[in-house]
Amino acid sequence: MKLIYTLLGLIVLLLIWSAIDPFEYFTWFLEVSPAVIGVLVLILTFNKFRFTNFVYVLIFFHCAILIIGGHYTYAEVPLFDWLQEAFNQTRNNYDKVGHFAQGFVPAMITRELLIRKKVVNSNSWLNFIVVCIAMAISVTYEFIEWAVSLGTGEGGNSFLGTQGYIWDTQSDMLYATIGAILALIIFGKYHTHQIDKININ
């Protein structure tokens, strides 16, 4: 429980920092909303379903990525401006970190739900379904970005964040897919071990 309260406190502090003089408040609201909604859902369902500490830590890092991106906008994060210059890149690639996490973290959340709720029993089908759900989440987010951009015009450009790259939407979905696959490859066994510990207790 101590870890959960610590992570929650850090998210609140990050939100306060992020809300102080962001690049643009409308974009800030759009970027941090998924983190805020996600945390609220976790709080409301905490007594009914508690994830492993491992997944809560991953969720914290995903929230941090969203909140930092909301403060600067994804195209203006200073560290990635420096990387753009240092490695002669054509754009600020912080958004690719965000979309990688958008596949990586939801994959672990989905995996835990499917295993603990006994929705899928076969490991091979489990991995396939987890990746498909992570891809669906990524596609849905791209639909939302598109709708916001169409509905708000110039106000949604920072949220869309293409930076003039015509394949931005496709590459965003690719990064999310790669994130989901790598999450399963790198942390699948460890995650199963963490779930087993909960089942034993």
C-alpha atoms as a PDB file:
ATOM      1  CA  MET A   1       0.000   0.000   0.000  1.00  0.00           C
ATOM      2  CA  LYS A   2       2.877   2.351   0.775  1.00  0.00           C
ATOM      3  CA  LEU A   3       4.128   2.072  -2.817  1.00  0.00           C
ATOM      4  CA  ILE A   4       0.642   2.855  -4.186  1.00  0.00           C
ATOM      5  CA  TYR A   5       0.300   5.982  -2.044  1.00  0.00           C
ATOM      6  CA  THR A   6       3.820   7.088  -3.015  1.00  0.00           C
ATOM      7  CA  LEU A   7       3.099   6.700  -6.732  1.00  0.00           C
ATOM      8  CA  LEU A   8      -0.227   8.517  -6.356  1.00  0.00           C
ATOM      9  CA  GLY A   9       1.461  11.361  -4.480  1.00  0.00           C
ATOM     10  CA  LEU A  10       4.119  11.682  -7.185  1.00  0.00           C
ATOM     11  CA  ILE A  11       1.450  11.850  -9.881  1.00  0.00           C
ATOM     12  CA  VAL A  12      -0.348  14.637  -7.994  1.00  0.00           C
ATOM     13  CA  LEU A  13       2.927  16.576  -7.665  1.00  0.00           C
ATOM     14  CA  LEU A  14       3.657  16.088 -11.369  1.00  0.00           C
ATOM     15  CA  LEU A  15       0.170  17.320 -12.244  1.00  0.00           C
ATOM     16  CA  ILE A  16       0.623  20.452 -10.134  1.00  0.00           C
ATOM     17  CA  TRP A  17       3.999  21.153 -11.776  1.00  0.00           C
ATOM     18  CA  SER A  18       2.560  20.455 -15.227  1.00  0.00           C
ATOM     19  CA  ALA A  19      -0.379  22.816 -14.694  1.00  0.00           C
ATOM     20  CA  ILE A  20       1.884  25.758 -13.843  1.00  0.00           C
ATOM     21  CA  ASP A  21       2.358  27.838 -16.985  1.00  0.00           C
ATOM     22  CA  PRO A  22       2.163  25.039 -19.589  1.00  0.00           C
ATOM     23  CA  PHE A  23       2.859  25.693 -23.253  1.00  0.00           C
ATOM     24  CA  GLU A  24      -0.888  25.877 -23.935  1.00  0.00           C
ATOM     25  CA  TYR A  25      -3.718  25.051 -21.498  1.00  0.00           C
ATOM     26  CA  PHE A  26      -6.014  23.495 -24.088  1.00  0.00           C
ATOM     27  CA  THR A  27      -3.307  21.082 -25.216  1.00  0.00           C
ATOM     28  CA  TRP A  28      -2.342  20.456 -21.590  1.00  0.00           C
ATOM     29  CA  PHE A  29      -5.918  19.461 -20.796  1.00  0.00           C
ATOM     30  CA  LEU A  30      -6.097  17.102 -23.775  1.00  0.00           C
ATOM     31  CA  GLU A  31      -2.773  15.444 -22.987  1.00  0.00           C
ATOM     32  CA  VAL A  32      -3.206  14.952 -19.232  1.00  0.00           C
ATOM     33  CA  SER A  33      -6.881  13.911 -19.376  1.00  0.00           C
ATOM     34  CA  PRO A  34      -6.138  10.213 -20.132  1.00  0.00           C
ATOM     35  CA  ALA A  35      -3.780  10.077 -17.133  1.00  0.00           C
ATOM     36  CA  VAL A  36      -6.289  11.747 -14.804  1.00  0.00           C
ATOM     37  CA  ILE A  37      -9.179   9.570 -16.003  1.00  0.00           C
ATOM     38  CA  GLY A  38      -7.057   6.437 -15.722  1.00  0.00           C
ATOM     39  CA  VAL A  39      -5.963   7.239 -12.170  1.00  0.00           C
ATOM     40  CA  LEU A  40      -9.552   8.010 -11.138  1.00  0.00           C
ATOM     41  CA  VAL A  41     -10.729   4.670 -12.541  1.00  0.00           C
ATOM     42  CA  LEU A  42      -7.960   2.865 -10.645  1.00  0.00           C
ATOM     43  CA  ILE A  43      -8.921   4.630  -7.409  1.00  0.00           C
ATOM     44  CA  LEU A  44     -12.626   3.849  -7.828  1.00  0.00           C
ATOM     45  CA  THR A  45     -11.972   0.171  -8.591  1.00  0.00           C
ATOM     46  CA  PHE A  46      -9.084  -0.318  -6.132  1.00  0.00           C
ATOM     47  CA  ASN A  47     -11.096  -2.266  -3.554  1.00  0.00           C
ATOM     48  CA  LYS A  48     -12.585  -4.550  -6.210  1.00  0.00           C
ATOM     49  CA  PHE A  49      -9.462  -5.232  -8.262  1.00  0.00           C
ATOM     50  CA  ARG A  50      -5.865  -4.461  -7.307  1.00  0.00           C
ATOM     51  CA  PHE A  51      -3.164  -4.853  -9.919  1.00  0.00           C
ATOM     52  CA  THR A  52       0.320  -6.089  -9.126  1.00  0.00           C
ATOM     53  CA  ASN A  53       2.758  -3.441  -7.907  1.00  0.00           C
ATOM     54  CA  PHE A  54       4.690  -4.023 -11.116  1.00  0.00           C
ATOM     55  CA  VAL A  55       1.738  -2.827 -13.228  1.00  0.00           C
ATOM     56  CA  TYR A  56       1.123   0.140 -10.939  1.00  0.00           C
ATOM     57  CA  VAL A  57       4.738   1.248 -11.440  1.00  0.00           C
ATOM     58  CA  LEU A  58       4.335   0.961 -15.221  1.00  0.00           C
ATOM     59  CA  ILE A  59       1.115   2.988 -15.036  1.00  0.00           C
ATOM     60  CA  PHE A  60       2.947   5.673 -13.071  1.00  0.00           C
ATOM     61  CA  PHE A  61       5.622   6.011 -15.759  1.00  0.00           C
ATOM     62  CA  HIS A  62       2.975   6.164 -18.476  1.00  0.00           C
ATOM     63  CA  CYS A  63       1.153   8.911 -16.569  1.00  0.00           C
ATOM     64  CA  ALA A  64       4.425  10.788 -16.129  1.00  0.00           C
ATOM     65  CA  ILE A  65       5.067  10.671 -19.891  1.00  0.00           C
ATOM     66  CA  LEU A  66       1.590  12.061 -20.579  1.00  0.00           C
ATOM     67  CA  ILE A  67       1.853  14.784 -17.931  1.00  0.00           C
ATOM     68  CA  ILE A  68       5.294  15.957 -19.088  1.00  0.00           C
ATOM     69  CA  GLY A  69       4.061  15.965 -22.682  1.00  0.00           C
ATOM     70  CA  GLY A  70       1.072  18.024 -21.595  1.00  0.00           C
ATOM     71  CA  HIS A  71       3.263  20.668 -19.997  1.00  0.00           C
ATOM     72  CA  TYR A  72       5.594  21.200 -22.953  1.00  0.00           C
ATOM     73  CA  THR A  73       3.485  19.641 -25.755  1.00  0.00           C
ATOM     74  CA  TYR A  74       4.953  16.547 -27.353  1.00  0.00           C
ATOM     75  CA  ALA A  75       6.755  18.569 -30.009  1.00  0.00           C
ATOM     76  CA  GLU A  76       8.552  20.845 -27.532  1.00  0.00           C
ATOM     77  CA  VAL A  77       9.983  18.646 -24.756  1.00  0.00           C
ATOM     78  CA  PRO A  78      13.445  20.185 -24.110  1.00  0.00           C
ATOM     79  CA  LEU A  79      15.447  16.951 -23.736  1.00  0.00           C
ATOM     80  CA  PHE A  80      14.184  15.720 -27.095  1.00  0.00           C
ATOM     81  CA  ASP A  81      14.903  19.099 -28.682  1.00  0.00           C
ATOM     82  CA  TRP A  82      18.502  18.529 -27.569  1.00  0.00           C
ATOM     83  CA  LEU A  83      18.456  14.971 -28.953  1.00  0.00           C
ATOM     84  CA  GLN A  84      17.056  16.292 -32.220  1.00  0.00           C
ATOM     85  CA  GLU A  85      20.030  18.625 -32.582  1.00  0.00           C
ATOM     86  CA  ALA A  86      22.614  16.179 -31.240  1.00  0.00           C
ATOM     87  CA  PHE A  87      21.600  13.362 -33.589  1.00  0.00           C
ATOM     88  CA  ASN A  88      20.538  15.566 -36.498  1.00  0.00           C
ATOM     89  CA  GLN A  89      16.931  14.369 -36.381  1.00  0.00           C
ATOM     90  CA  THR A  90      14.210  16.106 -38.378  1.00  0.00           C
ATOM     91  CA  ARG A  91      11.711  16.340 -35.493  1.00  0.00           C
ATOM     92  CA  ASN A  92      11.247  16.176 -31.734  1.00  0.00           C
ATOM     93  CA  ASN A  93      10.520  12.480 -31.157  1.00  0.00           C
ATOM     94  CA  TYR A  94       9.107  12.606 -27.619  1.00  0.00           C
ATOM     95  CA  ASP A  95       5.712  11.607 -29.021  1.00  0.00           C
ATOM     96  CA  LYS A  96       7.215   8.290 -30.133  1.00  0.00           C
ATOM     97  CA  VAL A  97       8.145   7.588 -26.501  1.00  0.00           C
ATOM     98  CA  GLY A  98       4.526   8.306 -25.613  1.00  0.00           C
ATOM     99  CA  HIS A  99       3.146   5.986 -28.266  1.00  0.00           C
ATOM    100  CA  PHE A 100       5.637   3.248 -27.390  1.00  0.00           C
ATOM    101  CA  ALA A 101       4.374   3.472 -23.796  1.00  0.00           C
ATOM    102  CA  GLN A 102       0.812   3.504 -25.141  1.00  0.00           C
ATOM    103  CA  GLY A 103       1.427  -0.042 -26.354  1.00  0.00           C
ATOM    104  CA  PHE A 104       3.793  -1.231 -23.627  1.00  0.00           C
ATOM    105  CA  VAL A 105       1.763  -0.333 -20.530  1.00  0.00           C
ATOM    106  CA  PRO A 106      -1.762  -1.210 -21.744  1.00  0.00           C
ATOM    107  CA  ALA A 107      -0.352  -4.581 -22.850  1.00  0.00           C
ATOM    108  CA  MET A 108       0.647  -5.371 -19.269  1.00  0.00           C
ATOM    109  CA  ILE A 109      -2.659  -4.058 -17.893  1.00  0.00           C
ATOM    110  CA  THR A 110      -4.615  -6.154 -20.403  1.00  0.00           C
ATOM    111  CA  ARG A 111      -2.458  -9.215 -19.775  1.00  0.00           C
ATOM    112  CA  GLU A 112      -3.087  -9.071 -16.045  1.00  0.00           C
ATOM    113  CA  LEU A 113      -6.829  -8.632 -16.465  1.00  0.00           C
ATOM    114  CA  LEU A 114      -7.100 -11.534 -18.912  1.00  0.00           C
ATOM    115  CA  ILE A 115      -5.023 -13.870 -16.725  1.00  0.00           C
ATOM    116  CA  ARG A 116      -6.541 -13.037 -13.358  1.00  0.00           C
ATOM    117  CA  LYS A 117     -10.103 -12.968 -14.669  1.00  0.00           C
ATOM    118  CA  LYS A 118      -9.369 -16.286 -16.443  1.00  0.00           C
ATOM    119  CA  VAL A 119     -10.574 -14.936 -19.797  1.00  0.00           C
ATOM    120  CA  VAL A 120      -7.829 -16.695 -21.799  1.00  0.00           C
ATOM    121  CA  ASN A 121      -6.123 -19.941 -20.804  1.00  0.00           C
ATOM    122  CA  SER A 122      -3.729 -20.457 -23.734  1.00  0.00           C
ATOM    123  CA  ASN A 123      -0.435 -18.526 -23.628  1.00  0.00           C
ATOM    124  CA  SER A 124      -0.192 -18.289 -27.412  1.00  0.00           C
ATOM    125  CA  TRP A 125      -3.715 -16.885 -27.715  1.00  0.00           C
ATOM    126  CA  LEU A 126      -3.114 -14.651 -24.693  1.00  0.00           C
ATOM    127  CA  ASN A 127      -0.167 -12.906 -26.349  1.00  0.00           C
ATOM    128  CA  PHE A 128      -2.026 -12.506 -29.631  1.00  0.00           C
ATOM    129  CA  ILE A 129      -5.102 -11.028 -27.961  1.00  0.00           C
ATOM    130  CA  VAL A 130      -3.033  -8.691 -25.767  1.00  0.00           C
ATOM    131  CA  VAL A 131      -1.211  -7.265 -28.802  1.00  0.00           C
ATOM    132  CA  CYS A 132      -4.506  -6.894 -30.708  1.00  0.00           C
ATOM    133  CA  ILE A 133      -6.088  -4.983 -27.809  1.00  0.00           C
ATOM    134  CA  ALA A 134      -3.021  -2.724 -27.480  1.00  0.00           C
ATOM    135  CA  MET A 135      -3.238  -2.004 -31.220  1.00  0.00           C
ATOM    136  CA  ALA A 136      -6.966  -1.264 -30.910  1.00  0.00           C
ATOM    137  CA  ILE A 137      -6.262   1.206 -28.095  1.00  0.00           C
ATOM    138  CA  SER A 138      -3.644   2.931 -30.257  1.00  0.00           C
ATOM    139  CA  VAL A 139      -5.999   3.120 -33.245  1.00  0.00           C
ATOM    140  CA  THR A 140      -8.788   4.523 -31.056  1.00  0.00           C
ATOM    141  CA  TYR A 141      -6.454   7.202 -29.710  1.00  0.00           C
ATOM    142  CA  GLU A 142      -5.526   8.194 -33.265  1.00  0.00           C
ATOM    143  CA  PHE A 143      -9.239   8.508 -34.067  1.00  0.00           C
ATOM    144  CA  ILE A 144      -9.626  10.799 -31.038  1.00  0.00           C
ATOM    145  CA  GLU A 145      -6.653  12.944 -32.117  1.00  0.00           C
ATOM    146  CA  TRP A 146      -8.114  13.195 -35.617  1.00  0.00           C
ATOM    147  CA  ALA A 147     -11.575  14.153 -34.316  1.00  0.00           C
ATOM    148  CA  VAL A 148     -10.160  16.793 -31.954  1.00  0.00           C
ATOM    149  CA  SER A 149      -8.030  18.277 -34.711  1.00  0.00           C
ATOM    150  CA  LEU A 150     -11.002  18.457 -37.092  1.00  0.00           C
ATOM    151  CA  GLY A 151     -13.235  19.914 -34.404  1.00  0.00           C
ATOM    152  CA  THR A 152     -10.869  22.544 -33.036  1.00  0.00           C
ATOM    153  CA  GLY A 153      -8.743  23.485 -36.053  1.00  0.00           C
ATOM    154  CA  GLU A 154      -5.570  25.290 -35.028  1.00  0.00           C
ATOM    155  CA  GLY A 155      -6.272  24.574 -31.370  1.00  0.00           C
ATOM    156  CA  GLY A 156      -5.846  20.849 -31.934  1.00  0.00           C
ATOM    157  CA  ASN A 157      -2.632  20.983 -33.941  1.00  0.00           C
ATOM    158  CA  SER A 158      -0.381  20.707 -30.884  1.00  0.00           C
ATOM    159  CA  PHE A 159      -2.407  17.737 -29.684  1.00  0.00           C
ATOM    160  CA  LEU A 160      -2.145  16.051 -33.082  1.00  0.00           C
ATOM    161  CA  GLY A 161       1.600  16.745 -33.104  1.00  0.00           C
ATOM    162  CA  THR A 162       2.491  15.519 -36.588  1.00  0.00           C
ATOM    163  CA  GLN A 163       5.252  18.126 -36.958  1.00  0.00           C
ATOM    164  CA  GLY A 164       4.838  17.932 -40.714  1.00  0.00           C
ATOM    165  CA  TYR A 165       5.531  14.192 -40.876  1.00  0.00           C
ATOM    166  CA  ILE A 166       2.958  12.661 -43.243  1.00  0.00           C
ATOM    167  CA  TRP A 167       3.359   9.143 -41.797  1.00  0.00           C
ATOM    168  CA  ASP A 168       3.027  10.257 -38.178  1.00  0.00           C
ATOM    169  CA  THR A 169      -0.252   8.428 -37.523  1.00  0.00           C
ATOM    170  CA  GLN A 170       1.001   5.160 -38.993  1.00  0.00           C
ATOM    171  CA  SER A 171       4.320   5.357 -37.147  1.00  0.00           C
ATOM    172  CA  ASP A 172       2.495   6.120 -33.876  1.00  0.00           C
ATOM    173  CA  MET A 173       0.513   2.898 -34.217  1.00  0.00           C
ATOM    174  CA  LEU A 174       3.669   0.984 -35.168  1.00  0.00           C
ATOM    175  CA  TYR A 175       5.503   2.216 -32.056  1.00  0.00           C
ATOM    176  CA  ALA A 176       2.557   1.195 -29.879  1.00  0.00           C
ATOM    177  CA  THR A 177       2.547  -2.263 -31.468  1.00  0.00           C
ATOM    178  CA  ILE A 178       6.296  -2.639 -30.937  1.00  0.00           C
ATOM    179  CA  GLY A 179       5.858  -1.509 -27.328  1.00  0.00           C
ATOM    180  CA  ALA A 180       3.188  -4.156 -26.710  1.00  0.00           C
ATOM    181  CA  ILE A 181       5.267  -6.946 -28.249  1.00  0.00           C
ATOM    182  CA  LEU A 182       8.414  -5.978 -26.340  1.00  0.00           C
ATOM    183  CA  ALA A 183       6.472  -5.752 -23.079  1.00  0.00           C
ATOM    184  CA  LEU A 184       5.380  -9.375 -23.512  1.00  0.00           C
ATOM    185  CA  ILE A 185       8.847 -10.573 -24.539  1.00  0.00           C
ATOM    186  CA  ILE A 186      10.790  -8.723 -21.837  1.00  0.00           C
ATOM    187  CA  PHE A 187       8.425  -8.846 -18.871  1.00  0.00           C
ATOM    188  CA  GLY A 188       5.989 -11.705 -19.609  1.00  0.00           C
ATOM    189  CA  LYS A 189       7.617 -14.262 -17.275  1.00  0.00           C
ATOM    190  CA  TYR A 190       8.308 -11.706 -14.556  1.00  0.00           C
ATOM    191  CA  HIS A 191       4.727 -10.471 -14.735  1.00  0.00           C
ATOM    192  CA  THR A 192       3.409 -14.028 -14.431  1.00  0.00           C
ATOM    193  CA  HIS A 193       5.584 -14.499 -11.342  1.00  0.00           C
ATOM    194  CA  GLN A 194       4.120 -11.336  -9.793  1.00  0.00           C
ATOM    195  CA  ILE A 195       0.595 -12.530 -10.529  1.00  0.00           C
ATOM    196  CA  ASP A 196       1.366 -15.942  -9.008  1.00  0.00           C
ATOM    197  CA  LYS A 197       2.496 -14.230  -5.808  1.00  0.00           C
ATOM    198  CA  ILE A 198      -0.878 -12.489  -5.557  1.00  0.00           C
ATOM    199  CA  ASN A 199      -2.720 -15.773  -6.149  1.00  0.00           C
ATOM    200  CA  ILE A 200      -0.700 -17.485  -3.403  1.00  0.00           C
ATOM    201  CA  ASN A 201      -1.539 -14.708  -0.946  1.00  0.00           C
END
